[in-house]
Amino acid sequence: MFSCNVFVPQLLWSRKIRRSVPLMFIIAILVNVGMWFERFVITVTSLARDFLPAAWDYYSPTIWDILTFVGSFGLFFTLFLLFLRFLPMFAIAEIKGVMPHASTHHAPPGEGAADG
């Protein structure tokens, strides 16, 4: 956690590293890993200690914790699929091809091909 969040960002002092996309990507991934470790340490250590010393133990998820986690994925994918159903994505190249003004044979309104 400490190396990913403290030492790795020190590489950004180098202009050569800052201008390299692959190295910036690797640094970003390592910083994200370090932040994940930080959240993990905060969560696990806060859940491992209770106010009663008799209840001190490491965190292990119950069935309700697991089902809440799985349900959050189900809710996300349901909303995502609804989004795709009602607001589908289309490639701009496909849309441009079916637009009337994209055709080379399209005449402006009031100027038919027979008029000219």
N, C-alpha and C. Protein backbone atom coordinates (compact mmCIF):
# COMPACT_ATOMS: atom_id res chain seq x y z
N MET A 1 0.84 -1.18 0.00
CA MET A 1 0.00 0.00 0.00
C MET A 1 0.88 1.25 0.00
N PHE A 2 1.87 1.25 0.86
CA PHE A 2 2.74 2.42 0.99
C PHE A 2 3.56 2.63 -0.28
N SER A 3 4.10 1.54 -0.83
CA SER A 3 4.94 1.68 -2.02
C SER A 3 4.11 2.11 -3.24
N CYS A 4 2.89 1.58 -3.35
CA CYS A 4 2.05 1.94 -4.50
C CYS A 4 1.57 3.38 -4.43
N ASN A 5 1.32 3.89 -3.23
CA ASN A 5 0.75 5.23 -3.10
C ASN A 5 1.78 6.32 -2.83
N VAL A 6 3.01 5.94 -2.46
CA VAL A 6 4.02 6.96 -2.16
C VAL A 6 5.19 6.90 -3.13
N PHE A 7 5.76 5.72 -3.31
CA PHE A 7 6.97 5.63 -4.13
C PHE A 7 6.67 5.66 -5.63
N VAL A 8 5.65 4.95 -6.07
CA VAL A 8 5.35 4.89 -7.51
C VAL A 8 5.01 6.28 -8.07
N PRO A 9 4.20 7.12 -7.41
CA PRO A 9 3.92 8.45 -7.97
C PRO A 9 5.15 9.35 -8.05
N GLN A 10 6.22 9.02 -7.33
CA GLN A 10 7.44 9.83 -7.43
C GLN A 10 8.09 9.70 -8.80
N LEU A 11 7.73 8.66 -9.55
CA LEU A 11 8.25 8.50 -10.90
C LEU A 11 7.74 9.60 -11.84
N LEU A 12 6.65 10.26 -11.45
CA LEU A 12 6.06 11.29 -12.30
C LEU A 12 6.90 12.56 -12.34
N TRP A 13 7.96 12.65 -11.54
CA TRP A 13 8.85 13.80 -11.61
C TRP A 13 9.65 13.79 -12.91
N SER A 14 9.73 12.64 -13.56
CA SER A 14 10.48 12.52 -14.81
C SER A 14 9.57 12.85 -16.00
N ARG A 15 10.02 13.78 -16.83
CA ARG A 15 9.25 14.18 -18.01
C ARG A 15 9.12 13.02 -19.00
N LYS A 16 10.18 12.22 -19.11
CA LYS A 16 10.17 11.09 -20.03
C LYS A 16 9.08 10.09 -19.65
N ILE A 17 8.89 9.85 -18.36
CA ILE A 17 7.85 8.92 -17.90
C ILE A 17 6.46 9.53 -18.08
N ARG A 18 6.35 10.83 -17.80
CA ARG A 18 5.04 11.49 -17.94
C ARG A 18 4.54 11.50 -19.37
N ARG A 19 5.43 11.47 -20.35
CA ARG A 19 5.03 11.53 -21.75
C ARG A 19 4.85 10.15 -22.38
N SER A 20 5.07 9.09 -21.61
CA SER A 20 4.90 7.74 -22.12
C SER A 20 3.54 7.19 -21.67
N VAL A 21 2.69 6.90 -22.63
CA VAL A 21 1.34 6.41 -22.32
C VAL A 21 1.38 5.05 -21.61
N PRO A 22 2.19 4.07 -22.07
CA PRO A 22 2.20 2.78 -21.37
C PRO A 22 2.69 2.90 -19.92
N LEU A 23 3.71 3.73 -19.68
CA LEU A 23 4.20 3.89 -18.31
C LEU A 23 3.18 4.61 -17.44
N MET A 24 2.48 5.59 -18.00
CA MET A 24 1.44 6.28 -17.23
C MET A 24 0.31 5.32 -16.88
N PHE A 25 -0.01 4.42 -17.81
CA PHE A 25 -1.05 3.43 -17.56
C PHE A 25 -0.63 2.50 -16.41
N ILE A 26 0.61 2.05 -16.44
CA ILE A 26 1.12 1.16 -15.38
C ILE A 26 1.12 1.88 -14.04
N ILE A 27 1.54 3.15 -14.02
CA ILE A 27 1.53 3.92 -12.77
C ILE A 27 0.10 4.09 -12.26
N ALA A 28 -0.84 4.36 -13.15
CA ALA A 28 -2.24 4.52 -12.74
C ALA A 28 -2.79 3.22 -12.16
N ILE A 29 -2.46 2.09 -12.76
CA ILE A 29 -2.92 0.80 -12.23
C ILE A 29 -2.33 0.55 -10.86
N LEU A 30 -1.03 0.83 -10.69
CA LEU A 30 -0.38 0.61 -9.39
C LEU A 30 -0.97 1.52 -8.30
N VAL A 31 -1.29 2.76 -8.66
CA VAL A 31 -1.91 3.66 -7.68
C VAL A 31 -3.30 3.16 -7.31
N ASN A 32 -4.06 2.65 -8.29
CA ASN A 32 -5.37 2.08 -7.99
C ASN A 32 -5.26 0.85 -7.10
N VAL A 33 -4.26 0.03 -7.34
CA VAL A 33 -4.04 -1.14 -6.47
C VAL A 33 -3.71 -0.68 -5.06
N GLY A 34 -2.87 0.33 -4.93
CA GLY A 34 -2.55 0.86 -3.61
C GLY A 34 -3.76 1.42 -2.90
N MET A 35 -4.63 2.11 -3.64
CA MET A 35 -5.85 2.65 -3.01
C MET A 35 -6.79 1.52 -2.60
N TRP A 36 -6.84 0.46 -3.41
CA TRP A 36 -7.66 -0.68 -3.03
C TRP A 36 -7.13 -1.30 -1.75
N PHE A 37 -5.81 -1.46 -1.62
CA PHE A 37 -5.22 -2.00 -0.39
C PHE A 37 -5.54 -1.10 0.81
N GLU A 38 -5.52 0.21 0.60
CA GLU A 38 -5.84 1.13 1.69
C GLU A 38 -7.28 0.95 2.15
N ARG A 39 -8.22 0.85 1.21
CA ARG A 39 -9.62 0.64 1.59
C ARG A 39 -9.79 -0.71 2.29
N PHE A 40 -9.07 -1.71 1.80
CA PHE A 40 -9.13 -3.04 2.40
C PHE A 40 -8.65 -3.00 3.85
N VAL A 41 -7.53 -2.32 4.09
CA VAL A 41 -7.01 -2.22 5.45
C VAL A 41 -7.99 -1.49 6.36
N ILE A 42 -8.57 -0.41 5.85
CA ILE A 42 -9.54 0.34 6.66
C ILE A 42 -10.75 -0.52 6.99
N THR A 43 -11.30 -1.21 5.99
CA THR A 43 -12.51 -1.99 6.19
C THR A 43 -12.26 -3.19 7.10
N VAL A 44 -11.25 -3.97 6.81
CA VAL A 44 -11.02 -5.20 7.57
C VAL A 44 -10.62 -4.90 9.01
N THR A 45 -9.75 -3.92 9.22
CA THR A 45 -9.35 -3.64 10.60
C THR A 45 -10.48 -3.01 11.40
N SER A 46 -11.35 -2.23 10.75
CA SER A 46 -12.46 -1.65 11.50
C SER A 46 -13.53 -2.69 11.83
N LEU A 47 -13.68 -3.71 10.97
CA LEU A 47 -14.66 -4.76 11.25
C LEU A 47 -14.10 -5.88 12.12
N ALA A 48 -12.78 -5.93 12.27
CA ALA A 48 -12.17 -7.01 13.05
C ALA A 48 -12.26 -6.75 14.55
N ARG A 49 -12.40 -5.51 14.96
CA ARG A 49 -12.44 -5.18 16.39
C ARG A 49 -13.82 -4.66 16.78
N ASP A 50 -14.37 -5.26 17.79
CA ASP A 50 -15.64 -4.79 18.32
C ASP A 50 -15.36 -4.07 19.63
N PHE A 51 -16.37 -3.51 20.23
CA PHE A 51 -16.18 -2.83 21.51
C PHE A 51 -15.95 -3.83 22.64
N LEU A 52 -16.44 -5.05 22.45
CA LEU A 52 -16.25 -6.07 23.47
C LEU A 52 -15.04 -6.92 23.10
N PRO A 53 -14.06 -7.03 23.99
CA PRO A 53 -12.89 -7.85 23.67
C PRO A 53 -13.24 -9.31 23.40
N ALA A 54 -14.34 -9.81 23.94
CA ALA A 54 -14.73 -11.19 23.70
C ALA A 54 -15.18 -11.40 22.25
N ALA A 55 -15.55 -10.32 21.55
CA ALA A 55 -16.05 -10.43 20.19
C ALA A 55 -14.96 -10.14 19.15
N TRP A 56 -13.70 -9.97 19.57
CA TRP A 56 -12.64 -9.65 18.62
C TRP A 56 -12.32 -10.87 17.77
N ASP A 57 -12.44 -10.70 16.47
CA ASP A 57 -12.14 -11.77 15.53
C ASP A 57 -11.98 -11.13 14.15
N TYR A 58 -11.43 -11.85 13.21
CA TYR A 58 -11.31 -11.35 11.85
C TYR A 58 -12.66 -11.41 11.16
N TYR A 59 -12.85 -10.52 10.21
CA TYR A 59 -14.11 -10.42 9.49
C TYR A 59 -14.25 -11.59 8.52
N SER A 60 -15.39 -12.25 8.57
CA SER A 60 -15.74 -13.25 7.57
C SER A 60 -17.19 -12.96 7.15
N PRO A 61 -17.44 -12.87 5.84
CA PRO A 61 -18.76 -12.46 5.39
C PRO A 61 -19.83 -13.52 5.70
N THR A 62 -21.00 -13.04 6.06
CA THR A 62 -22.13 -13.93 6.28
C THR A 62 -22.86 -14.13 4.95
N ILE A 63 -23.86 -14.95 4.95
CA ILE A 63 -24.64 -15.18 3.74
C ILE A 63 -25.33 -13.90 3.28
N TRP A 64 -25.71 -13.04 4.23
CA TRP A 64 -26.39 -11.79 3.87
C TRP A 64 -25.42 -10.81 3.24
N ASP A 65 -24.18 -10.81 3.69
CA ASP A 65 -23.17 -9.96 3.06
C ASP A 65 -22.93 -10.40 1.61
N ILE A 66 -22.81 -11.69 1.40
CA ILE A 66 -22.57 -12.22 0.05
C ILE A 66 -23.76 -11.95 -0.86
N LEU A 67 -24.97 -12.17 -0.35
CA LEU A 67 -26.16 -11.95 -1.16
C LEU A 67 -26.35 -10.47 -1.50
N THR A 68 -26.00 -9.57 -0.58
CA THR A 68 -26.07 -8.13 -0.87
C THR A 68 -25.08 -7.77 -1.97
N PHE A 69 -23.89 -8.35 -1.92
CA PHE A 69 -22.88 -8.11 -2.94
C PHE A 69 -23.33 -8.62 -4.30
N VAL A 70 -23.85 -9.84 -4.34
CA VAL A 70 -24.33 -10.42 -5.60
C VAL A 70 -25.54 -9.64 -6.12
N GLY A 71 -26.41 -9.22 -5.21
CA GLY A 71 -27.59 -8.43 -5.61
C GLY A 71 -27.21 -7.08 -6.20
N SER A 72 -26.13 -6.48 -5.71
CA SER A 72 -25.70 -5.21 -6.30
C SER A 72 -25.26 -5.41 -7.75
N PHE A 73 -24.60 -6.54 -8.05
CA PHE A 73 -24.26 -6.84 -9.43
C PHE A 73 -25.53 -7.06 -10.26
N GLY A 74 -26.50 -7.78 -9.70
CA GLY A 74 -27.75 -8.02 -10.41
C GLY A 74 -28.48 -6.73 -10.71
N LEU A 75 -28.53 -5.81 -9.75
CA LEU A 75 -29.18 -4.53 -9.97
C LEU A 75 -28.45 -3.73 -11.05
N PHE A 76 -27.13 -3.72 -10.99
CA PHE A 76 -26.36 -2.99 -12.00
C PHE A 76 -26.63 -3.54 -13.40
N PHE A 77 -26.54 -4.87 -13.56
CA PHE A 77 -26.73 -5.45 -14.89
C PHE A 77 -28.17 -5.29 -15.38
N THR A 78 -29.14 -5.31 -14.48
CA THR A 78 -30.52 -5.07 -14.89
C THR A 78 -30.69 -3.65 -15.41
N LEU A 79 -30.17 -2.68 -14.67
CA LEU A 79 -30.27 -1.29 -15.12
C LEU A 79 -29.47 -1.05 -16.39
N PHE A 80 -28.32 -1.71 -16.52
CA PHE A 80 -27.51 -1.58 -17.72
C PHE A 80 -28.24 -2.13 -18.94
N LEU A 81 -28.87 -3.29 -18.79
CA LEU A 81 -29.60 -3.87 -19.91
C LEU A 81 -30.84 -3.05 -20.26
N LEU A 82 -31.50 -2.47 -19.27
CA LEU A 82 -32.62 -1.57 -19.55
C LEU A 82 -32.14 -0.34 -20.31
N PHE A 83 -30.98 0.18 -19.92
CA PHE A 83 -30.41 1.32 -20.62
C PHE A 83 -30.14 0.97 -22.09
N LEU A 84 -29.56 -0.21 -22.32
CA LEU A 84 -29.29 -0.62 -23.69
C LEU A 84 -30.57 -0.86 -24.48
N ARG A 85 -31.63 -1.27 -23.80
CA ARG A 85 -32.90 -1.54 -24.48
C ARG A 85 -33.56 -0.25 -24.95
N PHE A 86 -33.55 0.76 -24.10
CA PHE A 86 -34.27 1.99 -24.41
C PHE A 86 -33.40 3.07 -25.03
N LEU A 87 -32.10 3.03 -24.82
CA LEU A 87 -31.18 4.00 -25.42
C LEU A 87 -30.02 3.24 -26.06
N PRO A 88 -30.29 2.52 -27.15
CA PRO A 88 -29.21 1.71 -27.75
C PRO A 88 -28.14 2.59 -28.39
N MET A 89 -26.96 2.03 -28.51
CA MET A 89 -25.85 2.74 -29.14
C MET A 89 -25.76 2.34 -30.61
N PHE A 90 -25.50 3.31 -31.45
CA PHE A 90 -25.32 3.08 -32.87
C PHE A 90 -24.01 3.71 -33.29
N ALA A 91 -23.35 3.10 -34.23
CA ALA A 91 -22.13 3.68 -34.78
C ALA A 91 -22.50 4.88 -35.63
N ILE A 92 -21.73 5.96 -35.50
CA ILE A 92 -22.01 7.17 -36.26
C ILE A 92 -21.91 6.90 -37.77
N ALA A 93 -20.98 6.03 -38.18
CA ALA A 93 -20.83 5.73 -39.59
C ALA A 93 -22.09 5.08 -40.15
N GLU A 94 -22.76 4.25 -39.35
CA GLU A 94 -23.99 3.62 -39.83
C GLU A 94 -25.12 4.64 -39.92
N ILE A 95 -25.20 5.54 -39.00
CA ILE A 95 -26.26 6.56 -39.00
C ILE A 95 -26.06 7.52 -40.17
N LYS A 96 -24.81 7.92 -40.41
CA LYS A 96 -24.55 8.84 -41.51
C LYS A 96 -24.95 8.25 -42.86
N GLY A 97 -24.79 6.94 -43.00
CA GLY A 97 -25.11 6.30 -44.26
C GLY A 97 -26.58 6.29 -44.60
N VAL A 98 -27.46 6.36 -43.62
CA VAL A 98 -28.90 6.32 -43.88
C VAL A 98 -29.54 7.70 -43.82
N MET A 99 -28.78 8.73 -43.51
CA MET A 99 -29.33 10.08 -43.47
C MET A 99 -29.56 10.58 -44.90
N PRO A 100 -30.66 11.31 -45.15
CA PRO A 100 -30.96 11.75 -46.52
C PRO A 100 -29.89 12.68 -47.09
N HIS A 101 -29.34 13.56 -46.29
CA HIS A 101 -28.37 14.52 -46.82
C HIS A 101 -26.99 13.89 -47.03
N ALA A 102 -26.81 12.63 -46.62
CA ALA A 102 -25.54 11.95 -46.83
C ALA A 102 -25.44 11.41 -48.25
N SER A 103 -26.57 11.29 -48.93
CA SER A 103 -26.57 10.75 -50.29
C SER A 103 -26.08 11.80 -51.28
N THR A 104 -25.30 11.36 -52.26
CA THR A 104 -24.83 12.29 -53.29
C THR A 104 -25.94 12.65 -54.27
N HIS A 105 -27.02 11.87 -54.28
CA HIS A 105 -28.14 12.12 -55.19
C HIS A 105 -29.25 12.93 -54.53
N HIS A 106 -29.03 13.37 -53.32
CA HIS A 106 -30.06 14.10 -52.59
C HIS A 106 -30.09 15.55 -53.07
N ALA A 107 -31.27 16.01 -53.41
CA ALA A 107 -31.45 17.39 -53.84
C ALA A 107 -32.06 18.18 -52.69
N PRO A 108 -31.71 19.44 -52.53
CA PRO A 108 -32.35 20.25 -51.46
C PRO A 108 -33.84 20.36 -51.68
N PRO A 109 -34.63 20.62 -50.65
CA PRO A 109 -36.08 20.72 -50.78
C PRO A 109 -36.46 21.81 -51.80
N GLY A 110 -37.42 21.49 -52.67
CA GLY A 110 -37.87 22.45 -53.69
C GLY A 110 -37.07 22.39 -54.96
N GLU A 111 -35.97 21.65 -54.96
CA GLU A 111 -35.15 21.54 -56.17
C GLU A 111 -35.07 20.07 -56.55
N GLY A 112 -36.10 19.55 -57.15
CA GLY A 112 -36.13 18.15 -57.54
C GLY A 112 -35.17 17.87 -58.67
N ALA A 113 -34.88 16.62 -58.91
CA ALA A 113 -33.95 16.24 -59.98
C ALA A 113 -34.54 16.59 -61.35
N ALA A 114 -35.88 16.59 -61.44
CA ALA A 114 -36.52 16.89 -62.72
C ALA A 114 -36.53 18.38 -63.01
N ASP A 115 -36.31 19.23 -61.97
CA ASP A 115 -36.36 20.67 -62.16
C ASP A 115 -35.15 21.20 -62.91
N GLY A 116 -34.01 20.52 -62.77
CA GLY A 116 -32.77 21.08 -63.25
C GLY A 116 -32.52 20.82 -64.64
